[in-house]
N, C-alpha and C. Protein backbone atom coordinates (compact mmCIF):
# COMPACT_ATOMS: atom_id res chain seq x y z
N MET A 1 31.80 -31.53 -52.31
CA MET A 1 32.10 -32.01 -51.15
C MET A 1 33.51 -32.48 -50.96
N ALA A 2 34.14 -32.96 -52.08
CA ALA A 2 35.07 -33.01 -52.87
C ALA A 2 36.13 -32.19 -52.66
N MET A 3 35.57 -31.13 -53.58
CA MET A 3 36.52 -29.93 -53.76
C MET A 3 36.63 -28.98 -52.33
N PHE A 4 35.80 -28.97 -51.48
CA PHE A 4 36.10 -28.60 -50.50
C PHE A 4 37.05 -28.83 -49.41
N ALA A 5 36.95 -30.39 -49.31
CA ALA A 5 37.84 -30.87 -48.82
C ALA A 5 39.15 -30.92 -49.28
N GLY A 6 39.05 -31.04 -50.58
CA GLY A 6 40.65 -30.67 -51.51
C GLY A 6 41.24 -29.31 -50.85
N SER A 7 39.91 -28.40 -50.96
CA SER A 7 40.96 -27.04 -50.44
C SER A 7 41.12 -27.19 -48.75
N VAL A 8 40.81 -27.77 -47.82
CA VAL A 8 41.18 -27.76 -46.93
C VAL A 8 42.25 -28.58 -46.84
N LEU A 9 42.33 -29.85 -47.67
CA LEU A 9 43.65 -30.40 -47.27
C LEU A 9 44.81 -29.42 -47.77
N LEU A 10 44.23 -28.72 -48.98
CA LEU A 10 45.43 -28.04 -49.69
C LEU A 10 46.26 -26.87 -48.73
N CYS A 11 44.98 -25.94 -47.88
CA CYS A 11 45.33 -25.07 -46.69
C CYS A 11 45.90 -25.64 -45.81
N ALA A 12 45.64 -26.31 -45.46
CA ALA A 12 46.60 -27.19 -44.05
C ALA A 12 47.80 -27.79 -44.57
N SER A 13 48.09 -28.03 -45.59
CA SER A 13 49.22 -28.29 -46.46
C SER A 13 50.43 -27.51 -46.25
N PHE A 14 49.69 -26.18 -47.06
CA PHE A 14 50.65 -25.20 -46.86
C PHE A 14 51.13 -24.49 -45.43
N THR A 15 49.81 -24.65 -44.60
CA THR A 15 50.14 -23.82 -43.16
C THR A 15 51.32 -24.93 -42.72
N VAL A 16 51.16 -26.17 -42.97
CA VAL A 16 52.51 -26.75 -42.38
C VAL A 16 53.73 -26.51 -42.76
N ARG A 17 53.83 -26.45 -44.19
CA ARG A 17 55.27 -26.00 -45.21
C ARG A 17 55.45 -24.80 -44.52
N LEU A 18 54.71 -23.43 -44.72
CA LEU A 18 54.91 -22.43 -44.36
C LEU A 18 55.48 -22.08 -43.17
N PHE A 19 54.43 -22.65 -41.79
CA PHE A 19 54.31 -22.02 -40.87
C PHE A 19 54.87 -22.61 -39.66
N VAL A 20 54.61 -24.29 -39.37
CA VAL A 20 55.06 -25.46 -39.01
C VAL A 20 56.10 -25.57 -39.05
N LEU A 21 56.31 -26.27 -40.15
CA LEU A 21 57.44 -27.15 -40.44
C LEU A 21 58.68 -26.04 -41.44
N PRO A 22 59.00 -25.13 -41.50
CA PRO A 22 59.50 -24.29 -42.49
C PRO A 22 60.71 -24.50 -42.68
N ALA A 23 61.43 -24.02 -43.80
CA ALA A 23 62.57 -24.26 -44.00
C ALA A 23 63.62 -23.73 -43.09
N LEU A 24 64.47 -24.20 -42.22
CA LEU A 24 65.32 -23.48 -41.34
C LEU A 24 66.69 -23.99 -41.69
N SER A 25 67.60 -23.04 -41.00
CA SER A 25 69.03 -23.63 -41.36
C SER A 25 68.76 -24.49 -39.94
N PRO A 26 70.26 -25.65 -40.00
CA PRO A 26 70.37 -26.16 -38.68
C PRO A 26 71.38 -25.24 -37.36
N LEU A 27 71.15 -25.61 -36.31
CA LEU A 27 71.73 -25.19 -35.80
C LEU A 27 73.22 -24.95 -35.17
N GLN A 28 73.46 -26.26 -35.68
CA GLN A 28 75.12 -26.49 -35.01
C GLN A 28 76.03 -26.07 -36.42
N GLY A 29 77.09 -25.53 -36.00
CA GLY A 29 77.96 -24.90 -36.92
C GLY A 29 77.62 -24.05 -37.44
N LEU A 30 76.77 -22.88 -37.29
CA LEU A 30 76.38 -21.93 -38.00
C LEU A 30 77.23 -20.46 -37.30
N HIS A 31 77.86 -19.98 -38.87
CA HIS A 31 78.61 -18.81 -38.37
C HIS A 31 78.30 -17.61 -39.72
N ALA A 32 78.26 -16.48 -38.92
CA ALA A 32 78.11 -15.46 -40.07
C ALA A 32 78.85 -14.25 -39.68
N ASP A 33 78.24 -13.01 -40.64
CA ASP A 33 78.99 -11.62 -40.02
C ASP A 33 78.26 -11.14 -38.71
N ALA A 34 77.00 -11.84 -38.92
CA ALA A 34 76.28 -10.87 -37.81
C ALA A 34 75.07 -11.84 -37.47
N LEU A 35 74.63 -11.90 -36.40
CA LEU A 35 73.16 -12.32 -35.75
C LEU A 35 71.96 -11.69 -35.65
N VAL A 36 71.28 -11.22 -36.26
CA VAL A 36 69.80 -10.49 -35.85
C VAL A 36 68.68 -11.14 -34.98
N VAL A 37 67.95 -10.99 -33.94
CA VAL A 37 67.00 -11.26 -33.42
C VAL A 37 65.99 -10.17 -33.81
N LEU A 38 65.03 -10.83 -34.30
CA LEU A 38 64.20 -10.37 -34.24
C LEU A 38 62.88 -10.03 -33.20
N GLY A 39 62.38 -8.69 -33.06
CA GLY A 39 61.38 -8.91 -31.86
C GLY A 39 60.35 -9.90 -31.95
N GLY A 40 59.83 -9.87 -31.05
CA GLY A 40 58.37 -10.37 -30.65
C GLY A 40 58.42 -11.38 -29.59
N PRO A 41 57.34 -12.39 -29.30
CA PRO A 41 57.13 -13.53 -28.39
C PRO A 41 58.04 -14.74 -28.70
N GLY A 42 58.07 -14.97 -27.54
CA GLY A 42 58.60 -16.69 -27.40
C GLY A 42 60.22 -16.14 -27.03
N PRO A 43 61.14 -17.62 -27.18
CA PRO A 43 62.06 -17.67 -26.55
C PRO A 43 63.08 -17.72 -27.38
N ARG A 44 62.79 -15.99 -27.94
CA ARG A 44 64.20 -16.06 -29.30
C ARG A 44 65.95 -15.74 -28.96
N LEU A 45 65.42 -14.92 -27.58
CA LEU A 45 66.90 -14.74 -27.29
C LEU A 45 67.59 -15.79 -26.80
N GLU A 46 66.98 -16.54 -25.89
CA GLU A 46 67.30 -17.62 -25.58
C GLU A 46 68.39 -18.76 -26.42
N LEU A 47 67.79 -18.61 -28.00
CA LEU A 47 68.63 -19.51 -29.08
C LEU A 47 69.60 -18.73 -29.25
N ALA A 48 69.16 -17.35 -29.43
CA ALA A 48 70.30 -16.16 -29.94
C ALA A 48 71.51 -16.45 -28.90
N LEU A 49 70.91 -16.28 -27.72
CA LEU A 49 72.36 -16.81 -27.05
C LEU A 49 72.97 -18.21 -27.24
N GLN A 50 72.16 -19.03 -27.25
CA GLN A 50 73.17 -20.42 -27.27
C GLN A 50 73.69 -20.24 -28.39
N LEU A 51 72.97 -19.59 -29.77
CA LEU A 51 74.49 -19.52 -30.94
C LEU A 51 75.76 -18.80 -30.51
N GLU A 52 75.50 -17.85 -30.06
CA GLU A 52 76.63 -16.95 -29.64
C GLU A 52 77.60 -17.56 -28.51
N ARG A 53 76.93 -18.35 -27.67
CA ARG A 53 78.08 -18.92 -26.93
C ARG A 53 79.05 -19.90 -27.62
N ASP A 54 78.32 -20.55 -28.84
CA ASP A 54 78.98 -21.22 -29.90
C ASP A 54 79.54 -20.34 -30.93
N ARG A 55 79.89 -19.04 -30.50
CA ARG A 55 80.48 -18.12 -31.56
C ARG A 55 80.03 -17.87 -32.42
N ALA A 56 78.74 -18.00 -32.88
CA ALA A 56 77.64 -17.89 -34.40
C ALA A 56 78.31 -16.38 -35.30
N ALA A 57 78.50 -15.39 -34.31
CA ALA A 57 78.64 -14.05 -34.94
C ALA A 57 79.71 -12.99 -34.11
N PRO A 58 80.09 -11.95 -34.96
CA PRO A 58 81.12 -11.50 -33.84
C PRO A 58 80.02 -10.52 -33.24
N VAL A 59 78.53 -10.18 -33.88
CA VAL A 59 77.99 -8.98 -33.97
C VAL A 59 76.51 -9.50 -33.61
N MET A 60 76.06 -9.14 -32.70
CA MET A 60 74.60 -9.60 -32.30
C MET A 60 73.32 -8.14 -32.26
N LEU A 61 72.39 -7.84 -33.37
CA LEU A 61 71.57 -6.98 -33.34
C LEU A 61 70.31 -7.42 -32.69
N VAL A 62 69.54 -6.69 -31.58
CA VAL A 62 69.00 -7.48 -31.30
C VAL A 62 67.10 -5.85 -31.44
N SER A 63 66.17 -6.68 -31.69
CA SER A 63 65.14 -5.35 -32.26
C SER A 63 64.56 -5.49 -30.82
N VAL A 64 64.38 -4.23 -30.23
CA VAL A 64 63.58 -4.01 -29.21
C VAL A 64 62.75 -2.88 -29.07
N ALA A 65 61.60 -3.09 -28.24
CA ALA A 65 60.70 -1.70 -28.17
C ALA A 65 60.90 -0.77 -28.06
N SER A 66 61.95 -0.37 -27.00
CA SER A 66 62.39 0.67 -26.84
C SER A 66 64.38 0.33 -26.05
N VAL A 67 64.95 1.31 -27.06
CA VAL A 67 66.54 0.74 -26.55
C VAL A 67 66.98 1.26 -25.49
N LEU A 68 66.06 2.25 -24.76
CA LEU A 68 65.99 2.70 -23.11
C LEU A 68 66.04 1.40 -22.29
N TYR A 69 64.69 0.79 -22.91
CA TYR A 69 64.31 0.11 -21.67
C TYR A 69 64.35 -1.47 -21.70
N ASN A 70 64.39 -1.80 -22.76
CA ASN A 70 64.42 -3.26 -23.04
C ASN A 70 65.77 -3.63 -23.98
N CYS A 71 66.56 -2.91 -23.49
CA CYS A 71 67.79 -3.74 -24.38
C CYS A 71 68.47 -4.73 -23.15
N PRO A 72 68.54 -6.19 -23.20
CA PRO A 72 68.87 -7.00 -22.75
C PRO A 72 70.65 -6.61 -22.50
N ASP A 73 71.17 -7.16 -21.08
CA ASP A 73 72.29 -6.98 -20.67
C ASP A 73 72.85 -8.34 -21.13
N PHE A 74 73.92 -8.62 -21.75
CA PHE A 74 74.49 -10.10 -22.15
C PHE A 74 75.61 -9.79 -21.53
N ASP A 75 76.42 -10.62 -21.16
CA ASP A 75 77.55 -10.81 -20.76
C ASP A 75 78.19 -11.80 -22.15
N LEU A 76 78.47 -11.28 -23.40
CA LEU A 76 79.21 -12.46 -24.53
C LEU A 76 80.64 -11.41 -25.06
N PRO A 77 81.66 -12.18 -24.29
CA PRO A 77 82.91 -11.90 -24.11
C PRO A 77 83.10 -11.82 -26.33
N GLY A 78 83.79 -11.01 -26.59
CA GLY A 78 84.26 -10.78 -28.16
C GLY A 78 82.74 -10.91 -28.95
N VAL A 79 81.45 -10.24 -28.20
CA VAL A 79 80.46 -9.85 -29.07
C VAL A 79 80.08 -8.45 -29.30
N ARG A 80 80.09 -8.18 -30.11
CA ARG A 80 79.04 -6.66 -29.90
C ARG A 80 77.61 -6.90 -30.24
N VAL A 81 76.76 -6.38 -29.26
CA VAL A 81 75.52 -6.37 -28.77
C VAL A 81 74.72 -4.92 -29.08
N GLU A 82 74.05 -4.59 -30.39
CA GLU A 82 73.88 -3.56 -30.61
C GLU A 82 72.07 -3.70 -30.34
N CYS A 83 71.29 -2.81 -29.77
CA CYS A 83 69.98 -2.95 -29.83
C CYS A 83 69.56 -2.06 -30.96
N PHE A 84 68.46 -1.93 -31.55
CA PHE A 84 67.51 -0.98 -31.94
C PHE A 84 66.23 -1.24 -31.92
N ARG A 85 65.62 0.10 -32.32
CA ARG A 85 63.81 -0.03 -32.56
C ARG A 85 63.97 0.10 -34.10
N PRO A 86 63.25 -0.95 -34.77
CA PRO A 86 63.01 -0.51 -35.84
C PRO A 86 62.08 0.34 -36.77
N ASP A 87 62.39 0.75 -37.72
CA ASP A 87 61.41 2.03 -38.36
C ASP A 87 60.79 1.83 -39.84
N PRO A 88 59.40 0.82 -39.89
CA PRO A 88 58.41 1.09 -39.35
C PRO A 88 58.71 -0.23 -37.66
N PHE A 89 58.08 -0.26 -36.91
CA PHE A 89 58.07 -1.14 -35.74
C PHE A 89 57.41 -2.37 -36.05
N SER A 90 58.70 -3.26 -36.89
CA SER A 90 57.67 -4.21 -37.98
C SER A 90 58.38 -5.20 -38.67
N THR A 91 58.17 -6.10 -38.65
CA THR A 91 59.36 -7.11 -39.60
C THR A 91 60.25 -6.16 -40.78
N GLN A 92 59.31 -5.49 -41.65
CA GLN A 92 59.63 -5.01 -42.52
C GLN A 92 60.83 -4.13 -42.02
N GLY A 93 60.54 -3.33 -41.07
CA GLY A 93 61.46 -2.12 -40.36
C GLY A 93 62.63 -2.86 -39.69
N GLU A 94 62.45 -4.13 -39.60
CA GLU A 94 63.98 -4.90 -39.38
C GLU A 94 64.84 -5.27 -40.31
N ALA A 95 64.04 -5.55 -41.31
CA ALA A 95 64.66 -6.08 -42.71
C ALA A 95 65.41 -4.72 -43.32
N ARG A 96 64.80 -3.55 -43.11
CA ARG A 96 65.62 -2.37 -43.59
C ARG A 96 66.84 -2.13 -43.04
N TYR A 97 66.74 -2.21 -41.28
CA TYR A 97 67.53 -1.96 -40.71
C TYR A 97 68.66 -2.68 -40.90
N VAL A 98 68.47 -4.10 -40.98
CA VAL A 98 69.72 -5.09 -41.28
C VAL A 98 70.50 -4.83 -42.61
N GLY A 99 69.12 -4.57 -43.70
CA GLY A 99 69.80 -4.00 -44.62
C GLY A 99 71.04 -2.96 -44.79
N GLN A 100 70.53 -2.23 -44.36
CA GLN A 100 71.12 -0.90 -44.06
C GLN A 100 72.82 -1.25 -43.32
N GLN A 101 72.81 -1.94 -41.68
CA GLN A 101 73.68 -2.42 -41.67
C GLN A 101 74.60 -2.91 -42.11
N GLY A 102 73.80 -4.06 -42.94
CA GLY A 102 75.01 -4.71 -43.94
C GLY A 102 75.55 -4.42 -44.92
N ARG A 103 74.98 -2.91 -45.48
CA ARG A 103 75.84 -2.62 -46.34
C ARG A 103 76.81 -1.58 -45.60
N ILE A 104 76.46 -1.06 -44.43
CA ILE A 104 77.78 -0.14 -43.90
C ILE A 104 78.69 -1.23 -43.44
N HIS A 105 78.61 -2.22 -42.64
CA HIS A 105 79.54 -3.15 -42.82
C HIS A 105 80.36 -4.27 -43.05
N GLY A 106 79.65 -4.25 -44.57
CA GLY A 106 79.68 -4.95 -45.89
C GLY A 106 80.13 -6.56 -45.26
N TRP A 107 78.65 -6.75 -44.68
CA TRP A 107 78.48 -8.02 -43.95
C TRP A 107 77.82 -8.90 -45.36
N ARG A 108 78.17 -9.99 -45.19
CA ARG A 108 78.03 -11.30 -46.34
C ARG A 108 77.03 -11.64 -46.41
N SER A 109 77.04 -12.18 -44.45
CA SER A 109 75.85 -13.37 -44.31
C SER A 109 75.64 -12.99 -42.83
N ILE A 110 74.34 -13.50 -42.50
CA ILE A 110 73.52 -12.95 -41.34
C ILE A 110 73.07 -14.32 -41.25
N ILE A 111 72.69 -14.12 -39.40
CA ILE A 111 71.51 -15.39 -39.05
C ILE A 111 70.82 -14.73 -38.62
N VAL A 112 69.76 -14.78 -38.75
CA VAL A 112 68.29 -14.01 -38.58
C VAL A 112 67.85 -15.20 -37.28
N VAL A 113 67.33 -15.17 -36.09
CA VAL A 113 66.77 -15.46 -35.30
C VAL A 113 65.28 -15.14 -35.61
N SER A 114 64.26 -15.87 -35.38
CA SER A 114 62.79 -15.50 -35.80
C SER A 114 62.00 -16.67 -34.58
N SER A 115 60.47 -16.59 -34.69
CA SER A 115 59.92 -17.73 -34.43
C SER A 115 59.39 -18.47 -35.42
N VAL A 116 59.70 -19.93 -35.49
CA VAL A 116 58.95 -21.06 -35.88
C VAL A 116 57.94 -20.17 -37.13
N PRO A 117 57.29 -19.94 -36.45
CA PRO A 117 55.96 -19.54 -37.54
C PRO A 117 56.10 -18.15 -38.65
N GLN A 118 57.13 -17.31 -37.82
CA GLN A 118 57.69 -15.93 -38.73
C GLN A 118 58.66 -16.49 -39.80
N ALA A 119 59.30 -17.80 -40.07
CA ALA A 119 60.83 -17.65 -40.39
C ALA A 119 60.54 -17.55 -41.57
N THR A 120 59.25 -18.08 -42.42
CA THR A 120 58.80 -17.86 -44.19
C THR A 120 59.40 -16.49 -44.38
N ARG A 121 58.46 -15.67 -43.63
CA ARG A 121 58.27 -14.56 -43.81
C ARG A 121 59.48 -13.48 -43.49
N ALA A 122 59.97 -13.87 -42.63
CA ALA A 122 61.34 -13.10 -42.36
C ALA A 122 62.56 -13.64 -43.46
N ARG A 123 62.37 -14.58 -43.36
CA ARG A 123 63.32 -14.68 -44.84
C ARG A 123 63.03 -14.25 -46.00
N LEU A 124 61.63 -13.98 -46.52
CA LEU A 124 61.24 -13.41 -47.48
C LEU A 124 61.88 -11.72 -47.35
N ARG A 125 61.37 -11.11 -45.99
CA ARG A 125 61.48 -9.64 -45.53
C ARG A 125 63.27 -9.67 -46.07
N VAL A 126 64.14 -10.37 -45.17
CA VAL A 126 65.50 -10.02 -45.19
C VAL A 126 65.89 -10.03 -46.50
N LYS A 127 65.44 -10.75 -47.61
CA LYS A 127 66.15 -11.10 -48.29
C LYS A 127 65.96 -9.87 -49.37
N ARG A 128 65.01 -9.47 -49.13
CA ARG A 128 64.87 -8.11 -50.08
C ARG A 128 65.47 -7.41 -49.87
N CYS A 129 66.08 -6.70 -48.46
CA CYS A 129 67.01 -5.72 -48.35
C CYS A 129 68.32 -6.28 -47.79
N PHE A 130 68.63 -7.64 -47.55
CA PHE A 130 70.22 -7.73 -47.50
C PHE A 130 70.39 -8.75 -48.60
N GLY A 131 71.64 -8.07 -48.83
CA GLY A 131 72.22 -9.13 -50.55
C GLY A 131 72.91 -9.93 -50.38
N GLY A 132 73.48 -10.74 -49.08
CA GLY A 132 73.95 -11.74 -48.58
C GLY A 132 73.55 -12.66 -48.21
N ASP A 133 73.90 -13.86 -47.99
CA ASP A 133 73.40 -15.05 -47.28
C ASP A 133 72.61 -14.93 -46.03
N VAL A 134 71.48 -15.39 -45.82
CA VAL A 134 70.50 -14.93 -44.99
C VAL A 134 70.30 -16.53 -44.40
N LEU A 135 70.74 -16.79 -43.17
CA LEU A 135 70.53 -18.40 -42.55
C LEU A 135 69.45 -18.00 -41.53
N VAL A 136 68.47 -18.89 -41.44
CA VAL A 136 67.05 -18.39 -40.68
C VAL A 136 66.74 -19.55 -39.64
N VAL A 137 67.04 -19.10 -38.02
CA VAL A 137 66.95 -20.33 -37.62
C VAL A 137 65.74 -19.59 -36.90
N GLY A 138 64.67 -20.99 -35.98
CA GLY A 138 63.35 -20.30 -35.23
C GLY A 138 63.17 -21.13 -33.68
N ALA A 139 62.80 -20.42 -33.07
CA ALA A 139 62.66 -20.76 -31.89
C ALA A 139 61.18 -21.02 -31.67
N ARG A 140 60.81 -22.19 -30.86
CA ARG A 140 59.62 -22.58 -30.99
C ARG A 140 58.71 -22.18 -30.34
N PRO A 141 57.60 -21.65 -30.36
CA PRO A 141 56.67 -20.64 -29.54
C PRO A 141 56.26 -21.49 -28.71
N SER A 142 55.54 -20.97 -27.35
CA SER A 142 54.82 -21.63 -26.53
C SER A 142 53.24 -22.16 -27.17
N PRO A 143 53.12 -23.67 -26.47
CA PRO A 143 52.02 -24.43 -27.12
C PRO A 143 50.75 -23.37 -27.31
N ALA A 144 50.86 -22.84 -26.14
CA ALA A 144 49.29 -22.03 -26.47
C ALA A 144 49.18 -20.49 -27.67
N SER A 145 50.14 -20.50 -27.92
CA SER A 145 50.17 -19.21 -29.03
C SER A 145 50.77 -19.84 -30.30
N TRP A 146 50.57 -20.68 -30.74
CA TRP A 146 50.71 -21.45 -31.77
C TRP A 146 49.22 -21.10 -32.64
N ALA A 147 48.34 -21.57 -32.35
CA ALA A 147 47.33 -21.23 -32.97
C ALA A 147 47.17 -19.50 -34.07
N TYR A 148 47.45 -18.68 -33.07
CA TYR A 148 47.19 -17.42 -32.76
C TYR A 148 48.44 -17.13 -34.00
N GLU A 149 49.89 -17.61 -33.67
CA GLU A 149 50.65 -16.75 -34.35
C GLU A 149 50.26 -17.80 -35.79
N VAL A 150 50.11 -18.97 -36.22
CA VAL A 150 49.73 -19.25 -37.37
C VAL A 150 48.58 -18.41 -38.24
N VAL A 151 47.69 -18.05 -37.75
CA VAL A 151 46.63 -16.76 -38.34
C VAL A 151 47.15 -15.84 -38.46
N TYR A 152 47.83 -15.19 -37.61
CA TYR A 152 48.96 -13.97 -37.89
C TYR A 152 49.58 -14.00 -38.64
N GLU A 153 50.44 -15.02 -39.18
CA GLU A 153 51.39 -15.28 -39.79
C GLU A 153 50.97 -15.27 -41.51
N TRP A 154 49.63 -16.01 -41.53
CA TRP A 154 49.09 -16.18 -43.09
C TRP A 154 48.81 -14.36 -43.52
N GLY A 155 47.87 -13.73 -42.47
CA GLY A 155 47.95 -12.26 -42.89
C GLY A 155 49.39 -11.65 -43.08
N ALA A 156 49.88 -11.98 -42.73
CA ALA A 156 51.35 -11.21 -42.63
C ALA A 156 51.89 -11.02 -43.99
N LEU A 157 51.74 -12.66 -44.01
CA LEU A 157 52.51 -13.03 -45.43
C LEU A 157 51.89 -12.70 -46.59
N ALA A 158 50.61 -12.23 -46.64
CA ALA A 158 49.96 -12.18 -47.89
C ALA A 158 49.87 -10.32 -48.03
N LYS A 159 50.27 -9.97 -46.88
CA LYS A 159 50.75 -8.40 -46.78
C LYS A 159 52.14 -8.32 -47.82
N ALA A 160 53.11 -8.80 -47.01
CA ALA A 160 54.39 -9.32 -47.75
C ALA A 160 54.41 -9.30 -49.09
N LEU A 161 53.38 -10.54 -49.34
CA LEU A 161 53.84 -10.78 -50.81
C LEU A 161 52.94 -9.93 -51.54
N LEU A 162 51.55 -9.43 -51.69
CA LEU A 162 50.58 -8.97 -52.65
C LEU A 162 50.91 -7.38 -52.45
N TRP A 163 51.01 -6.75 -51.27
CA TRP A 163 51.19 -5.20 -51.03
C TRP A 163 52.36 -4.53 -50.62
N GLN A 164 53.34 -5.26 -49.64
CA GLN A 164 54.65 -4.70 -49.68
C GLN A 164 55.56 -5.52 -50.17
N THR A 165 55.96 -5.41 -51.48
CA THR A 165 56.85 -5.87 -52.15
C THR A 165 58.28 -5.45 -52.50
N ALA A 166 58.51 -4.54 -51.36
CA ALA A 166 59.86 -4.22 -51.73
C ALA A 166 60.54 -4.31 -50.53
N CYS A 167 61.36 -3.70 -50.56
CA CYS A 167 62.27 -3.65 -48.77
C CYS A 167 61.47 -2.46 -48.32
């Protein structure tokens, strides 16, 4: 019984550290060559807009399902906004696109906006593809989606660590 309790406690500890309270960059004073908004549910765009109003980056890349129909129309003077559809349509595809754009434009640093539960995996994926500094900030998902997102992230992180180990 003690072994079972220890296993449950260990799993809960990892869950909190990886998905509930992951390492995140502070929101104040961030600046990078580009800001990248990963696709997915939650208030990521609102957080990205807050950062851009503080002049976090001159370029904002937004991952969308369809460039034609899902690209938000932002009024951000001095910021070039570009929407892209990653291939594959996943965090791995987003990381590959960011790495490619970073090489083309000579970026040395980026800010990645993900959800809080996705932050650990987003950092792992993007660092594999982008050679510069990667700052990760997280938008908090709705309370109703936390359980689903944490369970999803366990599987997605295992996939990233065990099967998809390259950029």
